[in-house]
Amino acid sequence: MNVDDPRLAVPNAAEDKALRARASIVILAFVVIAGFLSRQVLVAGMPGPLLAAGVLAGAFFVAWRVGVLGRAFAMLMLGSIRARGLEATQKLNAGDIAGARVLFEALTTDARRLGGFHSVHVLMLGVVSFFEGDTKAGLVLASRAIASGWFSARETREVLHAAETWRVLMLLHAGELKQARVIVERAPKAVPTAELVLLAYEEKWTEAVTRATELLAQEDFPGQGRPTVALIGLYAAKRLSNTSAGEPAGALDTAGFEKVLTAEPPQALALQNPALRRFLA
């Protein structure tokens, strides 16, 4: 699927919500007018019920034109959309990139009228493209989903952080370290894993070891991210141990990172991540 495919377009969240609000007012006005006309025998020489039917047809057209009907139909499929989205994510986490693509592509059609869900599916297709080797397409789709504004709400803030993390990883793999640094510095606490990988790309080994140790010590740090943090920390510690600069002994201790990796080995997705490949040696 090409990035210019209409199914991958993501409407601006604020504009989409404003359009639906205006359409709702117009449709309500049509319904009220139709209700009034339906009770009139004649209006300007024409049967009131007939005019009411015409007005309702206009309301139906407006609802169709602005996507209200498509959104309503998609809402009826919400349970299926959620289930298939979860299945696609599970396939991706298991390293089944091709299987994830099939499901996410289908969802870009079925859930297109649900802006929040659609933006997530476009983002994940960007991630799939990244794993397939098309970093440019991945960046286009991830940036498009983020720029749409659907992730800005409080309830989707975690999705925004995940999206920004993926975008930083793509930028790093593409060699765009300066752009990646700009995103990280905007909110480093929101993208800790991306910040750590950036430090490793910048070959700031002491800072990478220190940051990895801090993250692993945090009780509320997401469990799925711990293996990646340990992986980067271990690589940085080994690089420090090979330098002649004479780093502090504590910075060269790899046992803690090795212990985490033994207890919590990286998932298939992390092992296939193009941005992390250099740290697996």
Protein backbone atom coordinates (compact mmCIF):
# COMPACT_ATOMS: atom_id res chain seq x y z
CA MET A 1 0.00 0.00 0.00
CA ASN A 2 1.48 3.32 -1.12
CA VAL A 3 1.73 6.12 1.47
CA ASP A 4 -0.38 8.28 -0.87
CA ASP A 5 -3.23 5.78 -0.84
CA PRO A 6 -6.44 7.66 0.18
CA ARG A 7 -7.08 5.03 2.85
CA LEU A 8 -3.95 6.22 4.65
CA ALA A 9 -5.04 9.87 4.81
CA VAL A 10 -5.67 10.99 8.38
CA PRO A 11 -8.04 13.94 8.93
CA ASN A 12 -7.09 16.65 11.38
CA ALA A 13 -8.76 15.81 14.69
CA ALA A 14 -9.94 19.34 15.53
CA GLU A 15 -11.27 19.98 12.01
CA ASP A 16 -13.01 16.61 11.87
CA LYS A 17 -14.74 17.15 15.21
CA ALA A 18 -15.80 20.68 14.22
CA LEU A 19 -17.22 19.43 10.92
CA ARG A 20 -19.24 16.72 12.63
CA ALA A 21 -20.56 19.22 15.18
CA ARG A 22 -21.75 21.58 12.44
CA ALA A 23 -23.26 18.70 10.50
CA SER A 24 -25.15 17.53 13.58
CA ILE A 25 -26.70 20.98 13.97
CA VAL A 26 -27.77 21.03 10.31
CA ILE A 27 -29.20 17.50 10.49
CA LEU A 28 -31.11 18.33 13.67
CA ALA A 29 -32.54 21.43 12.00
CA PHE A 30 -33.66 19.34 9.03
CA VAL A 31 -35.34 16.82 11.32
CA VAL A 32 -37.18 19.56 13.22
CA ILE A 33 -38.37 21.12 9.97
CA ALA A 34 -39.43 17.72 8.65
CA GLY A 35 -41.39 17.10 11.84
CA PHE A 36 -43.22 20.39 11.42
CA LEU A 37 -43.99 19.79 7.74
CA SER A 38 -45.26 16.27 8.35
CA ARG A 39 -48.11 17.71 10.46
CA GLN A 40 -49.22 20.13 7.74
CA VAL A 41 -51.78 19.12 5.16
CA LEU A 42 -50.57 21.56 2.51
CA VAL A 43 -47.58 23.88 2.34
CA ALA A 44 -47.39 26.20 -0.66
CA GLY A 45 -49.82 23.91 -2.44
CA MET A 46 -47.79 20.76 -1.81
CA PRO A 47 -48.53 17.95 0.66
CA GLY A 48 -46.70 18.53 3.92
CA PRO A 49 -45.64 14.87 4.37
CA LEU A 50 -44.10 14.90 0.89
CA LEU A 51 -42.08 17.99 1.69
CA ALA A 52 -41.05 16.42 4.99
CA ALA A 53 -39.74 13.39 3.12
CA GLY A 54 -37.69 15.68 0.89
CA VAL A 55 -36.20 17.46 3.88
CA LEU A 56 -35.31 14.14 5.51
CA ALA A 57 -33.65 13.09 2.26
CA GLY A 58 -31.56 16.25 2.54
CA ALA A 59 -30.61 15.36 6.10
CA PHE A 60 -29.65 11.87 4.95
CA PHE A 61 -27.47 13.35 2.18
CA VAL A 62 -25.67 15.65 4.63
CA ALA A 63 -25.09 12.73 7.02
CA TRP A 64 -23.64 10.66 4.19
CA ARG A 65 -21.54 13.49 2.77
CA VAL A 66 -19.75 14.35 6.01
CA GLY A 67 -19.24 10.74 7.01
CA VAL A 68 -21.76 10.54 9.84
CA LEU A 69 -23.34 7.41 8.35
CA GLY A 70 -19.95 5.79 7.76
CA ARG A 71 -18.96 6.58 11.33
CA ALA A 72 -22.19 5.10 12.66
CA PHE A 73 -21.60 1.90 10.67
CA ALA A 74 -18.02 1.71 11.92
CA MET A 75 -19.26 2.10 15.51
CA LEU A 76 -21.41 -0.99 14.98
CA MET A 77 -18.19 -2.86 14.15
CA LEU A 78 -16.26 -1.40 17.09
CA GLY A 79 -15.94 -4.72 18.92
CA SER A 80 -14.52 -6.38 15.82
CA ILE A 81 -12.21 -3.42 15.13
CA ARG A 82 -10.78 -3.58 18.65
CA ALA A 83 -10.31 -7.35 18.46
CA ARG A 84 -8.57 -7.26 15.10
CA GLY A 85 -6.39 -4.35 16.21
CA LEU A 86 -5.28 -6.38 19.21
CA GLU A 87 -4.64 -9.42 17.02
CA ALA A 88 -2.56 -7.33 14.60
CA THR A 89 -0.50 -5.91 17.48
CA GLN A 90 0.07 -9.40 18.88
CA LYS A 91 1.28 -10.59 15.48
CA LEU A 92 3.65 -7.64 15.27
CA ASN A 93 5.02 -8.28 18.77
CA ALA A 94 5.58 -11.91 17.82
CA GLY A 95 7.59 -10.87 14.79
CA ASP A 96 4.91 -11.76 12.23
CA ILE A 97 5.36 -8.56 10.21
CA ALA A 98 3.51 -9.81 7.11
CA GLY A 99 0.54 -10.99 9.16
CA ALA A 100 0.36 -7.68 11.00
CA ARG A 101 0.36 -5.78 7.69
CA VAL A 102 -2.62 -7.73 6.34
CA LEU A 103 -4.72 -6.94 9.40
CA PHE A 104 -3.70 -3.29 9.73
CA GLU A 105 -4.37 -2.65 6.02
CA ALA A 106 -7.87 -4.10 6.35
CA LEU A 107 -8.49 -1.92 9.40
CA THR A 108 -7.57 1.25 7.50
CA THR A 109 -10.70 0.60 5.44
CA ASP A 110 -13.09 -0.63 8.11
CA ALA A 111 -12.16 1.91 10.81
CA ARG A 112 -11.37 4.85 8.56
CA ARG A 113 -14.30 6.93 9.86
CA LEU A 114 -13.16 6.50 13.47
CA GLY A 115 -10.36 9.05 13.51
CA GLY A 116 -8.71 7.94 16.74
CA PHE A 117 -8.57 4.29 15.73
CA HIS A 118 -7.62 5.12 12.15
CA SER A 119 -4.65 7.23 13.22
CA VAL A 120 -3.36 4.33 15.33
CA HIS A 121 -3.70 1.92 12.41
CA VAL A 122 -1.84 4.32 10.09
CA LEU A 123 0.89 4.68 12.71
CA MET A 124 1.23 0.92 13.01
CA LEU A 125 1.41 0.51 9.25
CA GLY A 126 4.30 2.96 9.45
CA VAL A 127 5.95 0.70 12.03
CA VAL A 128 5.34 -2.32 9.79
CA SER A 129 6.91 -0.47 6.85
CA PHE A 130 9.93 0.32 9.04
CA PHE A 131 10.41 -3.35 9.87
CA GLU A 132 10.02 -4.24 6.21
CA GLY A 133 12.96 -1.97 5.40
CA ASP A 134 11.10 1.10 4.15
CA THR A 135 12.13 3.65 6.77
CA LYS A 136 11.03 6.59 4.61
CA ALA A 137 7.45 5.30 4.36
CA GLY A 138 7.49 4.53 8.07
CA LEU A 139 8.46 8.09 8.91
CA VAL A 140 5.82 9.55 6.59
CA LEU A 141 3.01 7.50 8.14
CA ALA A 142 4.15 7.94 11.75
CA SER A 143 4.54 11.70 11.31
CA ARG A 144 1.15 11.91 9.60
CA ALA A 145 -0.59 10.11 12.45
CA ILE A 146 1.10 12.28 15.08
CA ALA A 147 0.42 15.54 13.23
CA SER A 148 -3.29 14.73 12.92
CA GLY A 149 -3.82 15.58 16.59
CA TRP A 150 -5.76 12.45 17.51
CA PHE A 151 -3.12 11.48 20.09
CA SER A 152 -3.19 14.83 21.89
CA ALA A 153 -6.12 14.03 24.20
CA ARG A 154 -5.32 13.02 27.76
CA GLU A 155 -6.71 9.51 27.29
CA THR A 156 -4.44 8.88 24.27
CA ARG A 157 -1.29 10.49 25.66
CA GLU A 158 0.44 7.11 26.06
CA VAL A 159 -0.20 6.39 22.38
CA LEU A 160 1.46 9.71 21.53
CA HIS A 161 4.53 8.78 23.58
CA ALA A 162 4.73 5.40 21.84
CA ALA A 163 4.33 7.06 18.44
CA GLU A 164 7.09 9.56 19.19
CA THR A 165 9.36 6.74 20.36
CA TRP A 166 8.85 4.88 17.09
CA ARG A 167 9.49 8.07 15.12
CA VAL A 168 12.77 8.68 16.98
CA LEU A 169 13.90 5.10 16.31
CA MET A 170 13.13 5.52 12.61
CA LEU A 171 15.03 8.81 12.48
CA LEU A 172 18.03 7.24 14.20
CA HIS A 173 18.08 4.35 11.76
CA ALA A 174 17.90 6.87 8.92
CA GLY A 175 20.90 8.73 10.37
CA GLU A 176 18.86 11.82 11.31
CA LEU A 177 20.29 12.20 14.83
CA LYS A 178 19.69 15.96 15.01
CA GLN A 179 15.97 15.59 14.26
CA ALA A 180 15.74 12.75 16.76
CA ARG A 181 17.42 14.91 19.41
CA VAL A 182 14.87 17.71 18.83
CA ILE A 183 11.97 15.32 19.49
CA VAL A 184 13.60 13.80 22.58
CA GLU A 185 14.48 17.15 24.13
CA ARG A 186 10.86 18.25 23.74
CA ALA A 187 9.82 15.78 26.44
CA PRO A 188 12.58 13.37 27.49
CA LYS A 189 10.54 11.88 30.34
CA ALA A 190 7.82 10.91 27.86
CA VAL A 191 10.17 8.93 25.60
CA PRO A 192 12.81 7.42 27.93
CA THR A 193 13.61 4.44 25.71
CA ALA A 194 14.08 6.68 22.68
CA GLU A 195 16.31 8.97 24.74
CA LEU A 196 18.46 6.01 25.77
CA VAL A 197 18.83 4.68 22.23
CA LEU A 198 19.73 8.19 21.07
CA LEU A 199 22.53 8.35 23.66
CA ALA A 200 23.86 5.07 22.31
CA TYR A 201 23.73 6.33 18.72
CA GLU A 202 25.62 9.41 19.86
CA GLU A 203 28.15 7.05 21.50
CA LYS A 204 27.71 8.70 24.87
CA TRP A 205 28.44 5.42 26.63
CA THR A 206 28.75 6.67 30.20
CA GLU A 207 25.48 8.58 29.98
CA ALA A 208 23.79 5.58 28.34
CA VAL A 209 24.88 3.23 31.14
CA THR A 210 23.78 5.69 33.81
CA ARG A 211 20.40 6.29 32.15
CA ALA A 212 19.78 2.57 31.58
CA THR A 213 20.54 1.85 35.23
CA GLU A 214 18.13 4.61 36.33
CA LEU A 215 15.33 3.32 34.11
CA LEU A 216 15.67 -0.27 35.29
CA ALA A 217 15.50 0.94 38.89
CA GLN A 218 12.14 2.63 38.31
CA GLU A 219 9.32 0.47 39.66
CA ASP A 220 6.78 1.97 37.28
CA PHE A 221 8.87 1.57 34.13
CA PRO A 222 6.90 -0.53 31.56
CA GLY A 223 7.88 -4.17 31.71
CA GLN A 224 7.92 -4.62 27.93
CA GLY A 225 10.61 -1.96 27.64
CA ARG A 226 13.02 -3.38 30.23
CA PRO A 227 14.78 -5.87 27.91
CA THR A 228 15.53 -3.11 25.39
CA VAL A 229 16.90 -0.85 28.12
CA ALA A 230 19.07 -3.68 29.45
CA LEU A 231 20.26 -4.49 25.94
CA ILE A 232 21.41 -0.91 25.32
CA GLY A 233 22.91 -0.65 28.81
CA LEU A 234 24.90 -3.85 28.35
CA TYR A 235 26.21 -2.76 24.96
CA ALA A 236 27.26 0.64 26.32
CA ALA A 237 28.94 -0.95 29.34
CA LYS A 238 30.92 -3.30 27.09
CA ARG A 239 32.02 -0.39 24.93
CA LEU A 240 33.20 1.40 28.05
CA SER A 241 35.12 -1.65 29.17
CA ASN A 242 37.01 -1.64 25.87
CA THR A 243 38.05 1.98 26.11
CA SER A 244 41.30 3.18 27.58
CA ALA A 245 39.76 6.33 29.01
CA GLY A 246 39.46 4.79 32.45
CA GLU A 247 35.79 4.98 33.28
CA PRO A 248 34.52 4.54 36.88
CA ALA A 249 34.39 0.90 37.86
CA GLY A 250 30.66 1.02 38.52
CA ALA A 251 29.97 2.11 34.97
CA LEU A 252 31.66 -1.04 33.64
CA ASP A 253 29.54 -3.47 35.65
CA THR A 254 27.55 -5.56 33.14
CA ALA A 255 26.14 -8.09 35.61
CA GLY A 256 22.98 -6.12 36.35
CA PHE A 257 22.08 -5.79 32.68
CA GLU A 258 22.86 -9.44 32.00
CA LYS A 259 20.64 -10.47 34.90
CA VAL A 260 17.70 -8.53 33.47
CA LEU A 261 18.21 -10.02 30.01
CA THR A 262 18.37 -13.54 31.44
CA ALA A 263 15.13 -13.09 33.38
CA GLU A 264 13.40 -10.96 30.73
CA PRO A 265 14.75 -11.81 27.26
CA PRO A 266 13.89 -9.44 24.40
CA GLN A 267 10.77 -10.20 22.38
CA ALA A 268 10.95 -11.13 18.72
CA LEU A 269 9.98 -7.58 17.73
CA ALA A 270 12.93 -6.04 19.56
CA LEU A 271 15.32 -8.53 17.99
CA GLN A 272 14.05 -7.58 14.51
CA ASN A 273 14.03 -3.83 15.17
CA PRO A 274 16.28 -2.20 12.52
CA ALA A 275 17.24 0.62 14.93
CA LEU A 276 18.48 -1.87 17.53
CA ARG A 277 20.28 -4.26 15.21
CA ARG A 278 23.71 -2.70 15.80
CA PHE A 279 23.42 -3.33 19.54
CA LEU A 280 22.75 -7.07 19.21
CA ALA A 281 26.33 -7.97 18.31
